[in-house]
Amino acid sequence: MQAAELFEQNIKPPDVARRLRVSLKSAYLWHHMWRDGGVQALASRGPSGSRCRLSPRCLEKLAGYLDEGPTAHGWVEDQVWTAARGRG
């Protein structure tokens, strides 16, 4: 909601972008949304994307694997989980 407060103070989108360390494109989009719908237009709509399709049991197993680390699962060259290793 910082952006809305700045827009209410007549701060221009380029200055909002700089102050909030966001892209100029985002600041102009926010300004447009704020101008058309006010503060509520900038309210978070929650996380985007699809919902998790893993069962609670699978989520528990996954958490355990991640806690054990890559080495426990045969990846000894470094300690980084990658998407490819996660699908492995």
N, C-alpha and C. Protein backbone atom coordinates (compact mmCIF):
# COMPACT_ATOMS: atom_id res chain seq x y z
N MET A 1 0.81 -1.19 0.00
CA MET A 1 0.00 0.00 0.00
C MET A 1 0.86 1.27 0.00
N GLN A 2 2.18 1.09 0.05
CA GLN A 2 3.05 2.25 0.01
C GLN A 2 2.87 3.03 -1.28
N ALA A 3 2.67 2.31 -2.38
CA ALA A 3 2.50 2.97 -3.67
C ALA A 3 1.27 3.87 -3.63
N ALA A 4 0.16 3.39 -3.09
CA ALA A 4 -1.06 4.19 -3.02
C ALA A 4 -0.83 5.46 -2.20
N GLU A 5 -0.12 5.33 -1.09
CA GLU A 5 0.16 6.49 -0.25
C GLU A 5 0.98 7.52 -1.03
N LEU A 6 1.95 7.04 -1.81
CA LEU A 6 2.77 7.96 -2.59
C LEU A 6 1.95 8.62 -3.70
N PHE A 7 1.11 7.83 -4.37
CA PHE A 7 0.27 8.41 -5.42
C PHE A 7 -0.67 9.47 -4.85
N GLU A 8 -1.19 9.22 -3.63
CA GLU A 8 -2.07 10.20 -2.98
C GLU A 8 -1.35 11.50 -2.68
N GLN A 9 -0.03 11.43 -2.57
CA GLN A 9 0.79 12.62 -2.34
C GLN A 9 1.26 13.25 -3.65
N ASN A 10 0.67 12.80 -4.76
CA ASN A 10 1.00 13.29 -6.10
C ASN A 10 2.44 12.99 -6.51
N ILE A 11 2.99 11.89 -5.98
CA ILE A 11 4.31 11.44 -6.40
C ILE A 11 4.12 10.70 -7.73
N LYS A 12 4.92 11.02 -8.72
CA LYS A 12 4.80 10.45 -10.06
C LYS A 12 5.34 9.02 -10.09
N PRO A 13 4.81 8.20 -11.00
CA PRO A 13 5.26 6.79 -11.10
C PRO A 13 6.77 6.59 -11.19
N PRO A 14 7.52 7.40 -11.95
CA PRO A 14 8.98 7.17 -11.96
C PRO A 14 9.62 7.31 -10.58
N ASP A 15 9.11 8.28 -9.79
CA ASP A 15 9.64 8.46 -8.44
C ASP A 15 9.20 7.33 -7.51
N VAL A 16 7.98 6.86 -7.70
CA VAL A 16 7.49 5.72 -6.91
C VAL A 16 8.35 4.49 -7.22
N ALA A 17 8.63 4.27 -8.50
CA ALA A 17 9.47 3.12 -8.90
C ALA A 17 10.83 3.19 -8.22
N ARG A 18 11.42 4.36 -8.23
CA ARG A 18 12.75 4.53 -7.63
C ARG A 18 12.69 4.32 -6.11
N ARG A 19 11.72 4.92 -5.47
CA ARG A 19 11.60 4.81 -4.00
C ARG A 19 11.32 3.38 -3.54
N LEU A 20 10.48 2.68 -4.30
CA LEU A 20 10.10 1.32 -3.89
C LEU A 20 10.95 0.25 -4.56
N ARG A 21 11.90 0.68 -5.37
CA ARG A 21 12.82 -0.25 -6.05
C ARG A 21 12.08 -1.30 -6.87
N VAL A 22 11.17 -0.80 -7.71
CA VAL A 22 10.43 -1.66 -8.63
C VAL A 22 10.65 -1.12 -10.04
N SER A 23 10.20 -1.88 -11.01
CA SER A 23 10.36 -1.44 -12.40
C SER A 23 9.42 -0.27 -12.68
N LEU A 24 9.80 0.52 -13.65
CA LEU A 24 8.97 1.63 -14.08
C LEU A 24 7.63 1.12 -14.60
N LYS A 25 7.68 0.00 -15.30
CA LYS A 25 6.45 -0.61 -15.83
C LYS A 25 5.48 -0.95 -14.69
N SER A 26 5.99 -1.54 -13.61
CA SER A 26 5.13 -1.87 -12.46
C SER A 26 4.53 -0.62 -11.85
N ALA A 27 5.34 0.42 -11.69
CA ALA A 27 4.84 1.65 -11.08
C ALA A 27 3.74 2.28 -11.93
N TYR A 28 3.91 2.27 -13.26
CA TYR A 28 2.86 2.82 -14.12
C TYR A 28 1.59 1.95 -14.07
N LEU A 29 1.75 0.64 -14.01
CA LEU A 29 0.61 -0.25 -13.89
C LEU A 29 -0.14 0.01 -12.58
N TRP A 30 0.61 0.11 -11.48
CA TRP A 30 -0.01 0.40 -10.20
C TRP A 30 -0.74 1.74 -10.22
N HIS A 31 -0.10 2.73 -10.84
CA HIS A 31 -0.71 4.06 -10.90
C HIS A 31 -2.03 4.01 -11.66
N HIS A 32 -2.03 3.30 -12.76
CA HIS A 32 -3.26 3.14 -13.55
C HIS A 32 -4.34 2.44 -12.73
N MET A 33 -3.97 1.36 -12.06
CA MET A 33 -4.93 0.62 -11.23
C MET A 33 -5.45 1.50 -10.10
N TRP A 34 -4.55 2.23 -9.45
CA TRP A 34 -4.93 3.10 -8.34
C TRP A 34 -5.86 4.20 -8.81
N ARG A 35 -5.55 4.82 -9.97
CA ARG A 35 -6.36 5.90 -10.51
C ARG A 35 -7.78 5.41 -10.82
N ASP A 36 -7.88 4.17 -11.34
CA ASP A 36 -9.19 3.64 -11.71
C ASP A 36 -9.96 3.01 -10.56
N GLY A 37 -9.25 2.49 -9.56
CA GLY A 37 -9.95 1.75 -8.50
C GLY A 37 -9.57 2.11 -7.09
N GLY A 38 -8.71 3.08 -6.92
CA GLY A 38 -8.31 3.49 -5.58
C GLY A 38 -7.41 2.48 -4.89
N VAL A 39 -7.29 2.64 -3.59
CA VAL A 39 -6.41 1.80 -2.79
C VAL A 39 -6.79 0.33 -2.91
N GLN A 40 -8.08 0.04 -2.95
CA GLN A 40 -8.53 -1.36 -3.01
C GLN A 40 -8.04 -2.06 -4.27
N ALA A 41 -7.84 -1.32 -5.35
CA ALA A 41 -7.37 -1.92 -6.60
C ALA A 41 -5.94 -2.44 -6.45
N LEU A 42 -5.21 -1.92 -5.47
CA LEU A 42 -3.83 -2.35 -5.25
C LEU A 42 -3.71 -3.41 -4.17
N ALA A 43 -4.81 -3.80 -3.56
CA ALA A 43 -4.78 -4.81 -2.50
C ALA A 43 -4.33 -6.15 -3.08
N SER A 44 -3.57 -6.88 -2.32
CA SER A 44 -3.08 -8.19 -2.76
C SER A 44 -4.25 -9.15 -2.96
N ARG A 45 -4.14 -9.94 -3.99
CA ARG A 45 -5.14 -10.97 -4.26
C ARG A 45 -4.64 -12.35 -3.84
N GLY A 46 -3.56 -12.36 -3.09
CA GLY A 46 -2.99 -13.62 -2.63
C GLY A 46 -2.06 -14.22 -3.67
N PRO A 47 -1.52 -15.38 -3.36
CA PRO A 47 -0.58 -16.01 -4.29
C PRO A 47 -1.27 -16.40 -5.59
N SER A 48 -0.53 -16.27 -6.68
CA SER A 48 -1.09 -16.65 -7.96
C SER A 48 -0.61 -18.05 -8.34
N GLY A 49 -1.10 -18.54 -9.43
CA GLY A 49 -0.68 -19.87 -9.88
C GLY A 49 -1.67 -20.94 -9.47
N SER A 50 -1.35 -22.13 -9.87
CA SER A 50 -2.25 -23.24 -9.57
C SER A 50 -2.04 -23.72 -8.13
N ARG A 51 -3.03 -24.40 -7.62
CA ARG A 51 -2.94 -24.91 -6.25
C ARG A 51 -2.04 -26.14 -6.25
N CYS A 52 -1.49 -26.45 -5.10
CA CYS A 52 -0.64 -27.62 -4.96
C CYS A 52 -1.49 -28.88 -5.12
N ARG A 53 -1.00 -29.82 -5.92
CA ARG A 53 -1.75 -31.06 -6.14
C ARG A 53 -1.18 -32.24 -5.36
N LEU A 54 -0.20 -31.98 -4.51
CA LEU A 54 0.38 -33.05 -3.70
C LEU A 54 -0.51 -33.31 -2.49
N SER A 55 -0.61 -34.56 -2.13
CA SER A 55 -1.38 -34.93 -0.94
C SER A 55 -0.57 -34.52 0.30
N PRO A 56 -1.23 -34.41 1.45
CA PRO A 56 -0.50 -34.09 2.67
C PRO A 56 0.65 -35.08 2.93
N ARG A 57 0.43 -36.36 2.65
CA ARG A 57 1.48 -37.38 2.84
C ARG A 57 2.68 -37.10 1.94
N CYS A 58 2.42 -36.78 0.68
CA CYS A 58 3.51 -36.47 -0.25
C CYS A 58 4.25 -35.21 0.17
N LEU A 59 3.53 -34.21 0.66
CA LEU A 59 4.18 -32.99 1.12
C LEU A 59 5.11 -33.27 2.29
N GLU A 60 4.69 -34.15 3.20
CA GLU A 60 5.54 -34.53 4.34
C GLU A 60 6.80 -35.23 3.85
N LYS A 61 6.65 -36.16 2.90
CA LYS A 61 7.81 -36.86 2.36
C LYS A 61 8.76 -35.89 1.67
N LEU A 62 8.21 -34.98 0.90
CA LEU A 62 9.03 -33.99 0.20
C LEU A 62 9.81 -33.14 1.19
N ALA A 63 9.14 -32.68 2.24
CA ALA A 63 9.82 -31.89 3.27
C ALA A 63 10.97 -32.67 3.88
N GLY A 64 10.75 -33.94 4.13
CA GLY A 64 11.81 -34.78 4.68
C GLY A 64 12.99 -34.90 3.74
N TYR A 65 12.71 -35.12 2.45
CA TYR A 65 13.79 -35.22 1.46
C TYR A 65 14.58 -33.91 1.39
N LEU A 66 13.89 -32.81 1.41
CA LEU A 66 14.57 -31.52 1.33
C LEU A 66 15.43 -31.28 2.56
N ASP A 67 14.92 -31.68 3.73
CA ASP A 67 15.69 -31.53 4.96
C ASP A 67 16.95 -32.40 4.94
N GLU A 68 16.86 -33.59 4.34
CA GLU A 68 18.02 -34.49 4.26
C GLU A 68 19.11 -33.93 3.37
N GLY A 69 18.74 -33.16 2.37
CA GLY A 69 19.71 -32.54 1.49
C GLY A 69 20.04 -33.40 0.28
N PRO A 70 20.65 -32.79 -0.73
CA PRO A 70 20.98 -33.48 -1.97
C PRO A 70 21.94 -34.66 -1.80
N THR A 71 22.90 -34.54 -0.88
CA THR A 71 23.90 -35.59 -0.71
C THR A 71 23.25 -36.92 -0.33
N ALA A 72 22.23 -36.86 0.51
CA ALA A 72 21.55 -38.08 0.95
C ALA A 72 20.85 -38.78 -0.21
N HIS A 73 20.72 -38.08 -1.31
CA HIS A 73 20.01 -38.65 -2.46
C HIS A 73 20.92 -38.79 -3.68
N GLY A 74 22.24 -38.82 -3.42
CA GLY A 74 23.20 -39.12 -4.47
C GLY A 74 23.81 -37.95 -5.19
N TRP A 75 23.49 -36.75 -4.82
CA TRP A 75 24.07 -35.56 -5.46
C TRP A 75 25.18 -35.04 -4.57
N VAL A 76 26.41 -35.46 -4.85
CA VAL A 76 27.51 -35.15 -3.94
C VAL A 76 28.37 -33.97 -4.38
N GLU A 77 28.23 -33.52 -5.63
CA GLU A 77 29.13 -32.47 -6.12
C GLU A 77 28.83 -31.09 -5.52
N ASP A 78 27.62 -30.85 -5.10
CA ASP A 78 27.30 -29.59 -4.43
C ASP A 78 26.05 -29.77 -3.57
N GLN A 79 25.74 -28.78 -2.80
CA GLN A 79 24.61 -28.87 -1.87
C GLN A 79 23.45 -28.00 -2.32
N VAL A 80 23.09 -28.12 -3.59
CA VAL A 80 22.03 -27.30 -4.14
C VAL A 80 20.94 -28.19 -4.72
N TRP A 81 19.70 -27.93 -4.32
CA TRP A 81 18.57 -28.60 -4.95
C TRP A 81 18.23 -27.82 -6.21
N THR A 82 18.11 -28.49 -7.33
CA THR A 82 17.67 -27.86 -8.57
C THR A 82 16.34 -28.48 -8.99
N ALA A 83 15.66 -27.84 -9.92
CA ALA A 83 14.38 -28.37 -10.38
C ALA A 83 14.58 -29.77 -10.97
N ALA A 84 15.66 -29.95 -11.73
CA ALA A 84 15.91 -31.26 -12.34
C ALA A 84 16.14 -32.33 -11.27
N ARG A 85 16.85 -32.00 -10.23
CA ARG A 85 17.09 -32.95 -9.14
C ARG A 85 15.80 -33.25 -8.40
N GLY A 86 14.98 -32.26 -8.24
CA GLY A 86 13.70 -32.44 -7.54
C GLY A 86 12.76 -33.36 -8.29
N ARG A 87 12.83 -33.33 -9.62
CA ARG A 87 11.98 -34.21 -10.43
C ARG A 87 12.53 -35.62 -10.50
N GLY A 88 13.86 -35.72 -10.29
CA GLY A 88 14.62 -36.94 -10.45
C GLY A 88 13.96 -38.16 -10.03
